[in-house]
Amino acid sequence: MRKLIRNEQHDRITKFPPDRICFAHSIESANADRQCMKAYIDGQMPLRMLCNCVARNNYLLEVTETQMLNELKIIGWL
């Protein structure tokens, strides 16, 4: 199942602008992302760790700091 999601994400990411994150279509991923983002906002996690956490939650090879900061601004957390 994870391999299928990872392959789907690999195909989807080509359709996203370089400053955006290709979030997975999953409640579990969204909940895990929210917990990680809250930890970052609360000062419990550095930005690089947040990027790694979100990449793992969404079956991506990488989430850059630029992408993460952009998404945090878009969703109103920054």
Protein backbone atom coordinates (compact mmCIF):
# COMPACT_ATOMS: atom_id res chain seq x y z
CA MET A 1 0.00 0.00 0.00
CA ARG A 2 2.76 2.47 0.90
CA LYS A 3 4.55 1.75 -2.36
CA LEU A 4 1.34 2.50 -4.27
CA ILE A 5 0.88 5.80 -2.42
CA ARG A 6 4.55 6.68 -2.91
CA ASN A 7 4.25 6.01 -6.67
CA GLU A 8 1.07 8.09 -6.85
CA GLN A 9 2.79 10.94 -5.02
CA HIS A 10 5.77 10.71 -7.37
CA ASP A 11 3.42 11.17 -10.35
CA ARG A 12 1.41 13.98 -8.69
CA ILE A 13 4.42 16.04 -7.63
CA THR A 14 5.25 16.86 -11.26
CA LYS A 15 1.99 18.86 -11.43
CA PHE A 16 2.82 21.09 -8.45
CA PRO A 17 4.67 24.42 -8.48
CA PRO A 18 8.18 24.14 -6.99
CA ASP A 19 7.21 26.13 -3.86
CA ARG A 20 4.23 23.92 -2.95
CA ILE A 21 3.97 20.57 -1.13
CA CYS A 22 2.19 17.64 -2.72
CA PHE A 23 0.17 16.62 0.34
CA ALA A 24 -1.21 13.07 0.34
CA HIS A 25 -4.98 12.56 0.24
CA SER A 26 -5.20 10.96 3.65
CA ILE A 27 -6.74 11.91 6.98
CA GLU A 28 -3.88 10.11 8.74
CA SER A 29 -1.29 12.16 6.86
CA ALA A 30 -3.18 15.41 7.53
CA ASN A 31 -3.45 14.67 11.26
CA ALA A 32 0.24 13.77 11.49
CA ASP A 33 1.16 16.94 9.57
CA ARG A 34 -0.96 19.08 11.89
CA GLN A 35 0.76 17.61 14.96
CA CYS A 36 4.21 18.25 13.48
CA MET A 37 3.31 21.80 12.41
CA LYS A 38 1.96 22.55 15.88
CA ALA A 39 5.19 21.26 17.42
CA TYR A 40 7.15 23.57 15.10
CA ILE A 41 4.98 26.60 15.90
CA ASP A 42 5.27 25.84 19.64
CA GLY A 43 9.08 25.77 19.33
CA GLN A 44 9.36 22.04 20.03
CA MET A 45 10.75 21.14 16.60
CA PRO A 46 13.22 22.89 14.25
CA LEU A 47 12.18 23.70 10.68
CA ARG A 48 14.41 21.01 9.12
CA MET A 49 12.81 18.34 11.33
CA LEU A 50 9.35 19.61 10.35
CA CYS A 51 10.29 19.28 6.68
CA ASN A 52 11.45 15.70 7.22
CA CYS A 53 8.32 14.85 9.19
CA VAL A 54 5.96 16.26 6.54
CA ALA A 55 7.90 14.51 3.76
CA ARG A 56 7.59 11.18 5.58
CA ASN A 57 3.88 11.70 6.37
CA ASN A 58 3.14 12.44 2.72
CA TYR A 59 5.34 9.76 1.12
CA LEU A 60 7.68 12.33 -0.45
CA LEU A 61 11.44 12.16 -0.88
CA GLU A 62 11.89 15.73 0.32
CA VAL A 63 10.11 18.85 1.51
CA THR A 64 12.29 21.94 1.32
CA GLU A 65 12.32 24.71 3.90
CA THR A 66 11.03 27.11 1.23
CA GLN A 67 8.08 24.82 0.51
CA MET A 68 7.30 24.35 4.19
CA LEU A 69 7.42 28.05 5.04
CA ASN A 70 5.26 28.85 2.02
CA GLU A 71 2.64 26.29 3.06
CA LEU A 72 2.65 27.54 6.66
CA LYS A 73 1.95 31.05 5.34
CA ILE A 74 -0.80 29.81 2.99
CA ILE A 75 -2.63 27.98 5.76
CA GLY A 76 -2.26 30.97 8.09
CA TRP A 77 0.13 29.50 10.63
CA LEU A 78 2.78 32.16 9.93
